[in-house]
Each structure stands twice: as structure tokens, then as C-alpha cells.
Amino acid sequence: MAEIKEPVQEQEDYTPDLITLEDEEGKEHTFEVIDAADHKGTHYMALVPYVEDEQQLVNADLDLILMKVGQDGQGEYLDIVEDDEELYEVSQMFEKRLREFFEIEK
């Protein structure tokens, strides 16, 4: 499970919604939150790895990562979606939402 850490803030015309996660080995990774939505009572987030430098953006692997938000005694955390059916349903939901938002045609 990944632990939610403080969001990173930037001062620009466009300020991406960034979140820094710490993996099980203690390494930090920064992601941009592209979308968030609820599905069947669970909150999900669509993330892409954050690339600060536009030159690095050309070569970056920006696969969409879907995470579900859980809660325990220590607070909220993000976890991967392990169930194939759940992942399929959530990915279809985000695909539809992002196509509408970014006006992407199939």
C-alpha cells in the first residue's frame, strides 16, 4: 500500500494537482491527479507520473494509473486496484469521463 504524503504546490498559471506517494521501500513518487470519482461506494483517483521539465515530457512514460482511496486508523491511503473486474469497470468509467472532459474522439 502507498501512503499519502503532502501535496506539492507550484506557482504558475496552471497549477497541477500533485500528490507525493511513498512506496513500501520508502521511495517517494510524485503524480498529477487527472481525475477522481466514486464508483460503487469507493473513491478512485486517476494519476499520471508528474514530469516537471517539458523536455523530459517528450520521453516520459505517462501511463494512467488508477488507485482506490482507503481509510484505516492512521488516515487515508491509496492502494492499487487488484481485482480485474473492478479495474475494468473503473477504467471504463475514467475513459468515458476523460474523453468527455478532453473532447477525445474514439
PDB file of N, CA and C in Angstrom:
ATOM      1  N   MET A   1       0.837  -1.176   0.000  1.00  0.00           N
ATOM      2  CA  MET A   1       0.000   0.000   0.000  1.00  0.00           C
ATOM      3  C   MET A   1       0.882   1.240   0.000  1.00  0.00           C
ATOM      4  N   ALA A   2       0.443   2.262  -0.720  1.00  0.00           N
ATOM      5  CA  ALA A   2       1.165   3.526  -0.748  1.00  0.00           C
ATOM      6  C   ALA A   2       0.526   4.470   0.268  1.00  0.00           C
ATOM      7  N   GLU A   3       1.348   5.252   0.910  1.00  0.00           N
ATOM      8  CA  GLU A   3       0.874   6.197   1.915  1.00  0.00           C
ATOM      9  C   GLU A   3       0.783   7.585   1.293  1.00  0.00           C
ATOM     10  N   ILE A   4      -0.284   8.322   1.559  1.00  0.00           N
ATOM     11  CA  ILE A   4      -0.453   9.668   1.034  1.00  0.00           C
ATOM     12  C   ILE A   4       0.411  10.620   1.839  1.00  0.00           C
ATOM     13  N   LYS A   5       1.198  11.424   1.130  1.00  0.00           N
ATOM     14  CA  LYS A   5       2.017  12.441   1.781  1.00  0.00           C
ATOM     15  C   LYS A   5       1.489  13.813   1.361  1.00  0.00           C
ATOM     16  N   GLU A   6       2.134  14.876   1.792  1.00  0.00           N
ATOM     17  CA  GLU A   6       1.688  16.229   1.477  1.00  0.00           C
ATOM     18  C   GLU A   6       1.712  16.497  -0.026  1.00  0.00           C
ATOM     19  N   PRO A   7       0.675  17.194  -0.549  1.00  0.00           N
ATOM     20  CA  PRO A   7       0.697  17.584  -1.955  1.00  0.00           C
ATOM     21  C   PRO A   7       1.807  18.606  -2.206  1.00  0.00           C
ATOM     22  N   VAL A   8       2.360  18.556  -3.406  1.00  0.00           N
ATOM     23  CA  VAL A   8       3.382  19.509  -3.819  1.00  0.00           C
ATOM     24  C   VAL A   8       2.667  20.682  -4.481  1.00  0.00           C
ATOM     25  N   GLN A   9       3.051  21.911  -4.169  1.00  0.00           N
ATOM     26  CA  GLN A   9       2.411  23.089  -4.745  1.00  0.00           C
ATOM     27  C   GLN A   9       3.367  23.802  -5.699  1.00  0.00           C
ATOM     28  N   GLU A  10       2.841  24.354  -6.790  1.00  0.00           N
ATOM     29  CA  GLU A  10       3.623  25.121  -7.743  1.00  0.00           C
ATOM     30  C   GLU A  10       2.946  26.461  -7.958  1.00  0.00           C
ATOM     31  N   GLN A  11       3.733  27.463  -8.321  1.00  0.00           N
ATOM     32  CA  GLN A  11       3.211  28.792  -8.600  1.00  0.00           C
ATOM     33  C   GLN A  11       3.354  29.079 -10.088  1.00  0.00           C
ATOM     34  N   GLU A  12       2.335  28.771 -10.881  1.00  0.00           N
ATOM     35  CA  GLU A  12       2.302  29.013 -12.309  1.00  0.00           C
ATOM     36  C   GLU A  12       0.869  29.352 -12.682  1.00  0.00           C
ATOM     37  N   ASP A  13       0.670  29.709 -13.962  1.00  0.00           N
ATOM     38  CA  ASP A  13      -0.686  29.950 -14.433  1.00  0.00           C
ATOM     39  C   ASP A  13      -1.522  28.689 -14.252  1.00  0.00           C
ATOM     40  N   TYR A  14      -0.958  27.562 -14.644  1.00  0.00           N
ATOM     41  CA  TYR A  14      -1.608  26.274 -14.434  1.00  0.00           C
ATOM     42  C   TYR A  14      -0.919  25.590 -13.261  1.00  0.00           C
ATOM     43  N   THR A  15      -1.677  25.284 -12.260  1.00  0.00           N
ATOM     44  CA  THR A  15      -1.121  24.592 -11.104  1.00  0.00           C
ATOM     45  C   THR A  15      -1.692  23.183 -11.081  1.00  0.00           C
ATOM     46  N   PRO A  16      -0.866  22.190 -11.421  1.00  0.00           N
ATOM     47  CA  PRO A  16      -1.384  20.822 -11.411  1.00  0.00           C
ATOM     48  C   PRO A  16      -1.680  20.357  -9.991  1.00  0.00           C
ATOM     49  N   ASP A  17      -2.622  19.446  -9.888  1.00  0.00           N
ATOM     50  CA  ASP A  17      -2.969  18.843  -8.608  1.00  0.00           C
ATOM     51  C   ASP A  17      -1.996  17.690  -8.383  1.00  0.00           C
ATOM     52  N   LEU A  18      -0.971  17.921  -7.572  1.00  0.00           N
ATOM     53  CA  LEU A  18       0.088  16.938  -7.368  1.00  0.00           C
ATOM     54  C   LEU A  18      -0.058  16.242  -6.024  1.00  0.00           C
ATOM     55  N   ILE A  19       0.369  15.000  -6.017  1.00  0.00           N
ATOM     56  CA  ILE A  19       0.361  14.211  -4.793  1.00  0.00           C
ATOM     57  C   ILE A  19       1.656  13.395  -4.779  1.00  0.00           C
ATOM     58  N   THR A  20       2.297  13.349  -3.626  1.00  0.00           N
ATOM     59  CA  THR A  20       3.514  12.565  -3.474  1.00  0.00           C
ATOM     60  C   THR A  20       3.194  11.334  -2.643  1.00  0.00           C
ATOM     61  N   LEU A  21       3.513  10.179  -3.202  1.00  0.00           N
ATOM     62  CA  LEU A  21       3.256   8.916  -2.528  1.00  0.00           C
ATOM     63  C   LEU A  21       4.580   8.261  -2.165  1.00  0.00           C
ATOM     64  N   GLU A  22       4.573   7.586  -1.049  1.00  0.00           N
ATOM     65  CA  GLU A  22       5.748   6.844  -0.614  1.00  0.00           C
ATOM     66  C   GLU A  22       5.442   5.357  -0.762  1.00  0.00           C
ATOM     67  N   ASP A  23       6.315   4.646  -1.503  1.00  0.00           N
ATOM     68  CA  ASP A  23       6.076   3.225  -1.697  1.00  0.00           C
ATOM     69  C   ASP A  23       6.562   2.432  -0.485  1.00  0.00           C
ATOM     70  N   GLU A  24       6.415   1.135  -0.542  1.00  0.00           N
ATOM     71  CA  GLU A  24       6.756   0.278   0.595  1.00  0.00           C
ATOM     72  C   GLU A  24       8.236   0.291   0.942  1.00  0.00           C
ATOM     73  N   GLU A  25       9.089   0.663  -0.033  1.00  0.00           N
ATOM     74  CA  GLU A  25      10.531   0.757   0.216  1.00  0.00           C
ATOM     75  C   GLU A  25      10.941   2.143   0.711  1.00  0.00           C
ATOM     76  N   GLY A  26       9.979   3.062   0.860  1.00  0.00           N
ATOM     77  CA  GLY A  26      10.272   4.404   1.348  1.00  0.00           C
ATOM     78  C   GLY A  26      10.637   5.394   0.275  1.00  0.00           C
ATOM     79  N   LYS A  27      10.576   5.004  -0.996  1.00  0.00           N
ATOM     80  CA  LYS A  27      10.900   5.905  -2.103  1.00  0.00           C
ATOM     81  C   LYS A  27       9.675   6.745  -2.448  1.00  0.00           C
ATOM     82  N   GLU A  28       9.887   8.051  -2.645  1.00  0.00           N
ATOM     83  CA  GLU A  28       8.785   8.957  -2.961  1.00  0.00           C
ATOM     84  C   GLU A  28       8.607   9.092  -4.470  1.00  0.00           C
ATOM     85  N   HIS A  29       7.350   9.165  -4.889  1.00  0.00           N
ATOM     86  CA  HIS A  29       6.976   9.331  -6.284  1.00  0.00           C
ATOM     87  C   HIS A  29       5.909  10.417  -6.347  1.00  0.00           C
ATOM     88  N   THR A  30       6.048  11.341  -7.301  1.00  0.00           N
ATOM     89  CA  THR A  30       5.077  12.424  -7.440  1.00  0.00           C
ATOM     90  C   THR A  30       4.207  12.154  -8.660  1.00  0.00           C
ATOM     91  N   PHE A  31       2.894  12.328  -8.466  1.00  0.00           N
ATOM     92  CA  PHE A  31       1.919  12.094  -9.522  1.00  0.00           C
ATOM     93  C   PHE A  31       1.019  13.311  -9.667  1.00  0.00           C
ATOM     94  N   GLU A  32       0.497  13.489 -10.883  1.00  0.00           N
ATOM     95  CA  GLU A  32      -0.523  14.500 -11.116  1.00  0.00           C
ATOM     96  C   GLU A  32      -1.876  13.808 -11.105  1.00  0.00           C
ATOM     97  N   VAL A  33      -2.798  14.365 -10.335  1.00  0.00           N
ATOM     98  CA  VAL A  33      -4.156  13.825 -10.271  1.00  0.00           C
ATOM     99  C   VAL A  33      -4.914  14.365 -11.479  1.00  0.00           C
ATOM    100  N   ILE A  34      -5.288  13.474 -12.376  1.00  0.00           N
ATOM    101  CA  ILE A  34      -6.010  13.858 -13.596  1.00  0.00           C
ATOM    102  C   ILE A  34      -7.513  13.903 -13.345  1.00  0.00           C
ATOM    103  N   ASP A  35      -8.013  12.992 -12.524  1.00  0.00           N
ATOM    104  CA  ASP A  35      -9.443  12.925 -12.240  1.00  0.00           C
ATOM    105  C   ASP A  35      -9.650  12.110 -10.965  1.00  0.00           C
ATOM    106  N   ALA A  36     -10.802  12.266 -10.374  1.00  0.00           N
ATOM    107  CA  ALA A  36     -11.188  11.484  -9.199  1.00  0.00           C
ATOM    108  C   ALA A  36     -12.697  11.303  -9.250  1.00  0.00           C
ATOM    109  N   ALA A  37     -13.150  10.120  -8.846  1.00  0.00           N
ATOM    110  CA  ALA A  37     -14.588   9.838  -8.899  1.00  0.00           C
ATOM    111  C   ALA A  37     -14.921   8.679  -7.970  1.00  0.00           C
ATOM    112  N   ASP A  38     -16.211   8.579  -7.634  1.00  0.00           N
ATOM    113  CA  ASP A  38     -16.708   7.478  -6.815  1.00  0.00           C
ATOM    114  C   ASP A  38     -17.358   6.439  -7.713  1.00  0.00           C
ATOM    115  N   HIS A  39     -17.186   5.176  -7.348  1.00  0.00           N
ATOM    116  CA  HIS A  39     -17.801   4.071  -8.074  1.00  0.00           C
ATOM    117  C   HIS A  39     -18.156   2.986  -7.063  1.00  0.00           C
ATOM    118  N   LYS A  40     -19.434   2.676  -6.970  1.00  0.00           N
ATOM    119  CA  LYS A  40     -19.926   1.649  -6.046  1.00  0.00           C
ATOM    120  C   LYS A  40     -19.439   1.865  -4.615  1.00  0.00           C
ATOM    121  N   GLY A  41     -19.480   3.122  -4.171  1.00  0.00           N
ATOM    122  CA  GLY A  41     -19.145   3.445  -2.792  1.00  0.00           C
ATOM    123  C   GLY A  41     -17.667   3.578  -2.477  1.00  0.00           C
ATOM    124  N   THR A  42     -16.814   3.467  -3.480  1.00  0.00           N
ATOM    125  CA  THR A  42     -15.373   3.606  -3.280  1.00  0.00           C
ATOM    126  C   THR A  42     -14.874   4.795  -4.085  1.00  0.00           C
ATOM    127  N   HIS A  43     -13.941   5.561  -3.517  1.00  0.00           N
ATOM    128  CA  HIS A  43     -13.365   6.720  -4.196  1.00  0.00           C
ATOM    129  C   HIS A  43     -12.105   6.282  -4.932  1.00  0.00           C
ATOM    130  N   TYR A  44     -11.983   6.685  -6.195  1.00  0.00           N
ATOM    131  CA  TYR A  44     -10.842   6.327  -7.045  1.00  0.00           C
ATOM    132  C   TYR A  44     -10.178   7.590  -7.570  1.00  0.00           C
ATOM    133  N   MET A  45      -8.886   7.478  -7.882  1.00  0.00           N
ATOM    134  CA  MET A  45      -8.135   8.580  -8.473  1.00  0.00           C
ATOM    135  C   MET A  45      -7.416   8.078  -9.719  1.00  0.00           C
ATOM    136  N   ALA A  46      -7.406   8.907 -10.754  1.00  0.00           N
ATOM    137  CA  ALA A  46      -6.653   8.639 -11.975  1.00  0.00           C
ATOM    138  C   ALA A  46      -5.408   9.523 -11.931  1.00  0.00           C
ATOM    139  N   LEU A  47      -4.240   8.903 -11.954  1.00  0.00           N
ATOM    140  CA  LEU A  47      -2.966   9.606 -11.799  1.00  0.00           C
ATOM    141  C   LEU A  47      -2.054   9.338 -12.985  1.00  0.00           C
ATOM    142  N   VAL A  48      -1.154  10.282 -13.248  1.00  0.00           N
ATOM    143  CA  VAL A  48      -0.039  10.066 -14.174  1.00  0.00           C
ATOM    144  C   VAL A  48       1.221  10.525 -13.465  1.00  0.00           C
ATOM    145  N   PRO A  49       2.354   9.879 -13.738  1.00  0.00           N
ATOM    146  CA  PRO A  49       3.606  10.345 -13.143  1.00  0.00           C
ATOM    147  C   PRO A  49       3.842  11.803 -13.519  1.00  0.00           C
ATOM    148  N   TYR A  50       4.255  12.612 -12.562  1.00  0.00           N
ATOM    149  CA  TYR A  50       4.478  14.034 -12.807  1.00  0.00           C
ATOM    150  C   TYR A  50       5.855  14.251 -13.412  1.00  0.00           C
ATOM    151  N   VAL A  51       5.883  15.013 -14.507  1.00  0.00           N
ATOM    152  CA  VAL A  51       7.124  15.387 -15.174  1.00  0.00           C
ATOM    153  C   VAL A  51       7.192  16.904 -15.166  1.00  0.00           C
ATOM    154  N   GLU A  52       8.179  17.443 -14.478  1.00  0.00           N
ATOM    155  CA  GLU A  52       8.291  18.893 -14.314  1.00  0.00           C
ATOM    156  C   GLU A  52       8.870  19.580 -15.546  1.00  0.00           C
ATOM    157  N   ASP A  53       9.858  18.969 -16.162  1.00  0.00           N
ATOM    158  CA  ASP A  53      10.576  19.560 -17.290  1.00  0.00           C
ATOM    159  C   ASP A  53       9.898  19.170 -18.605  1.00  0.00           C
ATOM    160  N   GLU A  54       9.551  20.161 -19.433  1.00  0.00           N
ATOM    161  CA  GLU A  54       8.884  19.886 -20.700  1.00  0.00           C
ATOM    162  C   GLU A  54       9.737  19.017 -21.623  1.00  0.00           C
ATOM    163  N   GLN A  55      11.057  19.129 -21.557  1.00  0.00           N
ATOM    164  CA  GLN A  55      11.937  18.301 -22.379  1.00  0.00           C
ATOM    165  C   GLN A  55      11.818  16.831 -21.973  1.00  0.00           C
ATOM    166  N   GLN A  56      11.680  16.566 -20.685  1.00  0.00           N
ATOM    167  CA  GLN A  56      11.521  15.200 -20.205  1.00  0.00           C
ATOM    168  C   GLN A  56      10.138  14.649 -20.552  1.00  0.00           C
ATOM    169  N   LEU A  57       9.177  15.538 -20.733  1.00  0.00           N
ATOM    170  CA  LEU A  57       7.817  15.129 -21.034  1.00  0.00           C
ATOM    171  C   LEU A  57       7.747  14.345 -22.343  1.00  0.00           C
ATOM    172  N   VAL A  58       8.590  14.710 -23.306  1.00  0.00           N
ATOM    173  CA  VAL A  58       8.597  14.043 -24.605  1.00  0.00           C
ATOM    174  C   VAL A  58       8.937  12.559 -24.447  1.00  0.00           C
ATOM    175  N   ASN A  59       9.855  12.233 -23.566  1.00  0.00           N
ATOM    176  CA  ASN A  59      10.312  10.855 -23.389  1.00  0.00           C
ATOM    177  C   ASN A  59       9.668  10.145 -22.199  1.00  0.00           C
ATOM    178  N   ALA A  60       8.745  10.803 -21.526  1.00  0.00           N
ATOM    179  CA  ALA A  60       8.167  10.243 -20.302  1.00  0.00           C
ATOM    180  C   ALA A  60       7.140   9.157 -20.597  1.00  0.00           C
ATOM    181  N   ASP A  61       7.079   8.174 -19.714  1.00  0.00           N
ATOM    182  CA  ASP A  61       6.066   7.131 -19.750  1.00  0.00           C
ATOM    183  C   ASP A  61       4.896   7.615 -18.897  1.00  0.00           C
ATOM    184  N   LEU A  62       3.830   8.077 -19.544  1.00  0.00           N
ATOM    185  CA  LEU A  62       2.719   8.678 -18.809  1.00  0.00           C
ATOM    186  C   LEU A  62       1.483   7.781 -18.812  1.00  0.00           C
ATOM    187  N   ASP A  63       1.677   6.526 -18.483  1.00  0.00           N
ATOM    188  CA  ASP A  63       0.546   5.612 -18.369  1.00  0.00           C
ATOM    189  C   ASP A  63      -0.375   6.077 -17.251  1.00  0.00           C
ATOM    190  N   LEU A  64      -1.661   5.952 -17.492  1.00  0.00           N
ATOM    191  CA  LEU A  64      -2.659   6.303 -16.492  1.00  0.00           C
ATOM    192  C   LEU A  64      -2.664   5.234 -15.403  1.00  0.00           C
ATOM    193  N   ILE A  65      -2.599   5.673 -14.155  1.00  0.00           N
ATOM    194  CA  ILE A  65      -2.579   4.778 -13.013  1.00  0.00           C
ATOM    195  C   ILE A  65      -3.861   5.003 -12.222  1.00  0.00           C
ATOM    196  N   LEU A  66      -4.602   3.934 -11.992  1.00  0.00           N
ATOM    197  CA  LEU A  66      -5.845   4.028 -11.235  1.00  0.00           C
ATOM    198  C   LEU A  66      -5.609   3.487  -9.835  1.00  0.00           C
ATOM    199  N   MET A  67      -5.961   4.296  -8.848  1.00  0.00           N
ATOM    200  CA  MET A  67      -5.775   3.926  -7.447  1.00  0.00           C
ATOM    201  C   MET A  67      -7.105   4.099  -6.722  1.00  0.00           C
ATOM    202  N   LYS A  68      -7.312   3.277  -5.707  1.00  0.00           N
ATOM    203  CA  LYS A  68      -8.508   3.474  -4.885  1.00  0.00           C
ATOM    204  C   LYS A  68      -8.080   4.023  -3.531  1.00  0.00           C
ATOM    205  N   VAL A  69      -8.951   4.865  -2.982  1.00  0.00           N
ATOM    206  CA  VAL A  69      -8.684   5.512  -1.702  1.00  0.00           C
ATOM    207  C   VAL A  69      -9.298   4.658  -0.614  1.00  0.00           C
ATOM    208  N   GLY A  70      -8.472   4.310   0.355  1.00  0.00           N
ATOM    209  CA  GLY A  70      -8.938   3.557   1.512  1.00  0.00           C
ATOM    210  C   GLY A  70      -8.711   4.372   2.775  1.00  0.00           C
ATOM    211  N   GLN A  71      -9.212   3.883   3.867  1.00  0.00           N
ATOM    212  CA  GLN A  71      -9.030   4.577   5.128  1.00  0.00           C
ATOM    213  C   GLN A  71      -8.828   3.539   6.227  1.00  0.00           C
ATOM    214  N   ASP A  72      -7.866   3.845   7.109  1.00  0.00           N
ATOM    215  CA  ASP A  72      -7.631   2.993   8.267  1.00  0.00           C
ATOM    216  C   ASP A  72      -7.445   3.883   9.483  1.00  0.00           C
ATOM    217  N   GLY A  73      -6.991   3.339  10.572  1.00  0.00           N
ATOM    218  CA  GLY A  73      -6.818   4.097  11.803  1.00  0.00           C
ATOM    219  C   GLY A  73      -5.816   5.232  11.699  1.00  0.00           C
ATOM    220  N   GLN A  74      -4.920   5.174  10.714  1.00  0.00           N
ATOM    221  CA  GLN A  74      -3.905   6.218  10.541  1.00  0.00           C
ATOM    222  C   GLN A  74      -4.305   7.270   9.521  1.00  0.00           C
ATOM    223  N   GLY A  75      -5.434   7.110   8.855  1.00  0.00           N
ATOM    224  CA  GLY A  75      -5.894   8.088   7.883  1.00  0.00           C
ATOM    225  C   GLY A  75      -6.116   7.455   6.517  1.00  0.00           C
ATOM    226  N   GLU A  76      -6.138   8.304   5.494  1.00  0.00           N
ATOM    227  CA  GLU A  76      -6.367   7.838   4.131  1.00  0.00           C
ATOM    228  C   GLU A  76      -5.086   7.301   3.521  1.00  0.00           C
ATOM    229  N   TYR A  77      -5.262   6.365   2.596  1.00  0.00           N
ATOM    230  CA  TYR A  77      -4.138   5.822   1.843  1.00  0.00           C
ATOM    231  C   TYR A  77      -4.628   5.455   0.446  1.00  0.00           C
ATOM    232  N   LEU A  78      -3.714   5.335  -0.493  1.00  0.00           N
ATOM    233  CA  LEU A  78      -4.039   4.889  -1.847  1.00  0.00           C
ATOM    234  C   LEU A  78      -3.525   3.477  -2.014  1.00  0.00           C
ATOM    235  N   ASP A  79      -4.287   2.675  -2.740  1.00  0.00           N
ATOM    236  CA  ASP A  79      -3.909   1.293  -2.979  1.00  0.00           C
ATOM    237  C   ASP A  79      -4.218   0.953  -4.430  1.00  0.00           C
ATOM    238  N   ILE A  80      -3.488  -0.019  -4.961  1.00  0.00           N
ATOM    239  CA  ILE A  80      -3.746  -0.443  -6.327  1.00  0.00           C
ATOM    240  C   ILE A  80      -5.063  -1.195  -6.391  1.00  0.00           C
ATOM    241  N   VAL A  81      -5.650  -1.228  -7.582  1.00  0.00           N
ATOM    242  CA  VAL A  81      -6.881  -1.980  -7.809  1.00  0.00           C
ATOM    243  C   VAL A  81      -6.443  -3.360  -8.295  1.00  0.00           C
ATOM    244  N   GLU A  82      -6.607  -4.370  -7.456  1.00  0.00           N
ATOM    245  CA  GLU A  82      -6.119  -5.714  -7.777  1.00  0.00           C
ATOM    246  C   GLU A  82      -7.144  -6.582  -8.497  1.00  0.00           C
ATOM    247  N   ASP A  83      -8.421  -6.372  -8.237  1.00  0.00           N
ATOM    248  CA  ASP A  83      -9.468  -7.180  -8.838  1.00  0.00           C
ATOM    249  C   ASP A  83      -9.650  -6.789 -10.305  1.00  0.00           C
ATOM    250  N   ASP A  84      -9.555  -7.759 -11.222  1.00  0.00           N
ATOM    251  CA  ASP A  84      -9.641  -7.476 -12.657  1.00  0.00           C
ATOM    252  C   ASP A  84     -10.975  -6.871 -13.063  1.00  0.00           C
ATOM    253  N   GLU A  85     -12.071  -7.380 -12.515  1.00  0.00           N
ATOM    254  CA  GLU A  85     -13.396  -6.853 -12.859  1.00  0.00           C
ATOM    255  C   GLU A  85     -13.545  -5.417 -12.369  1.00  0.00           C
ATOM    256  N   GLU A  86     -13.116  -5.164 -11.148  1.00  0.00           N
ATOM    257  CA  GLU A  86     -13.167  -3.813 -10.582  1.00  0.00           C
ATOM    258  C   GLU A  86     -12.316  -2.855 -11.410  1.00  0.00           C
ATOM    259  N   LEU A  87     -11.108  -3.295 -11.787  1.00  0.00           N
ATOM    260  CA  LEU A  87     -10.217  -2.467 -12.598  1.00  0.00           C
ATOM    261  C   LEU A  87     -10.842  -2.151 -13.950  1.00  0.00           C
ATOM    262  N   TYR A  88     -11.481  -3.136 -14.573  1.00  0.00           N
ATOM    263  CA  TYR A  88     -12.129  -2.925 -15.864  1.00  0.00           C
ATOM    264  C   TYR A  88     -13.254  -1.894 -15.741  1.00  0.00           C
ATOM    265  N   GLU A  89     -14.112  -2.045 -14.733  1.00  0.00           N
ATOM    266  CA  GLU A  89     -15.230  -1.117 -14.543  1.00  0.00           C
ATOM    267  C   GLU A  89     -14.736   0.307 -14.295  1.00  0.00           C
ATOM    268  N   VAL A  90     -13.743   0.437 -13.429  1.00  0.00           N
ATOM    269  CA  VAL A  90     -13.224   1.767 -13.086  1.00  0.00           C
ATOM    270  C   VAL A  90     -12.502   2.384 -14.286  1.00  0.00           C
ATOM    271  N   SER A  91     -11.751   1.582 -15.031  1.00  0.00           N
ATOM    272  CA  SER A  91     -11.045   2.119 -16.196  1.00  0.00           C
ATOM    273  C   SER A  91     -12.038   2.586 -17.254  1.00  0.00           C
ATOM    274  N   GLN A  92     -13.140   1.850 -17.436  1.00  0.00           N
ATOM    275  CA  GLN A  92     -14.177   2.272 -18.384  1.00  0.00           C
ATOM    276  C   GLN A  92     -14.815   3.586 -17.938  1.00  0.00           C
ATOM    277  N   MET A  93     -15.060   3.726 -16.640  1.00  0.00           N
ATOM    278  CA  MET A  93     -15.641   4.946 -16.110  1.00  0.00           C
ATOM    279  C   MET A  93     -14.716   6.138 -16.372  1.00  0.00           C
ATOM    280  N   PHE A  94     -13.418   5.978 -16.041  1.00  0.00           N
ATOM    281  CA  PHE A  94     -12.483   7.084 -16.250  1.00  0.00           C
ATOM    282  C   PHE A  94     -12.270   7.371 -17.735  1.00  0.00           C
ATOM    283  N   GLU A  95     -12.256   6.339 -18.564  1.00  0.00           N
ATOM    284  CA  GLU A  95     -12.098   6.565 -20.003  1.00  0.00           C
ATOM    285  C   GLU A  95     -13.228   7.451 -20.523  1.00  0.00           C
ATOM    286  N   LYS A  96     -14.452   7.147 -20.125  1.00  0.00           N
ATOM    287  CA  LYS A  96     -15.610   7.940 -20.554  1.00  0.00           C
ATOM    288  C   LYS A  96     -15.504   9.368 -20.029  1.00  0.00           C
ATOM    289  N   ARG A  97     -15.182   9.524 -18.752  1.00  0.00           N
ATOM    290  CA  ARG A  97     -15.078  10.855 -18.152  1.00  0.00           C
ATOM    291  C   ARG A  97     -13.985  11.691 -18.833  1.00  0.00           C
ATOM    292  N   LEU A  98     -12.833  11.081 -19.066  1.00  0.00           N
ATOM    293  CA  LEU A  98     -11.713  11.821 -19.657  1.00  0.00           C
ATOM    294  C   LEU A  98     -11.972  12.142 -21.125  1.00  0.00           C
ATOM    295  N   ARG A  99     -12.623  11.231 -21.855  1.00  0.00           N
ATOM    296  CA  ARG A  99     -12.985  11.525 -23.253  1.00  0.00           C
ATOM    297  C   ARG A  99     -13.916  12.740 -23.320  1.00  0.00           C
ATOM    298  N   GLU A 100     -14.889  12.790 -22.423  1.00  0.00           N
ATOM    299  CA  GLU A 100     -15.822  13.916 -22.407  1.00  0.00           C
ATOM    300  C   GLU A 100     -15.114  15.205 -21.989  1.00  0.00           C
ATOM    301  N   PHE A 101     -14.277  15.135 -20.981  1.00  0.00           N
ATOM    302  CA  PHE A 101     -13.595  16.316 -20.475  1.00  0.00           C
ATOM    303  C   PHE A 101     -12.611  16.902 -21.499  1.00  0.00           C
ATOM    304  N   PHE A 102     -11.832  16.019 -22.130  1.00  0.00           N
ATOM    305  CA  PHE A 102     -10.820  16.476 -23.076  1.00  0.00           C
ATOM    306  C   PHE A 102     -11.309  16.446 -24.519  1.00  0.00           C
ATOM    307  N   GLU A 103     -12.591  16.112 -24.714  1.00  0.00           N
ATOM    308  CA  GLU A 103     -13.219  16.054 -26.039  1.00  0.00           C
ATOM    309  C   GLU A 103     -12.417  15.173 -26.999  1.00  0.00           C
ATOM    310  N   ILE A 104     -12.117  13.956 -26.556  1.00  0.00           N
ATOM    311  CA  ILE A 104     -11.360  12.986 -27.333  1.00  0.00           C
ATOM    312  C   ILE A 104     -12.362  12.099 -28.075  1.00  0.00           C
ATOM    313  N   GLU A 105     -12.125  11.904 -29.374  1.00  0.00           N
ATOM    314  CA  GLU A 105     -12.984  11.001 -30.156  1.00  0.00           C
ATOM    315  C   GLU A 105     -12.327   9.645 -30.217  1.00  0.00           C
ATOM    316  N   LYS A 106     -13.161   8.608 -30.288  1.00  0.00           N
ATOM    317  CA  LYS A 106     -12.637   7.234 -30.388  1.00  0.00           C
ATOM    318  C   LYS A 106     -12.019   6.987 -31.727  1.00  0.00           C
TER     319      LYS A 106
END
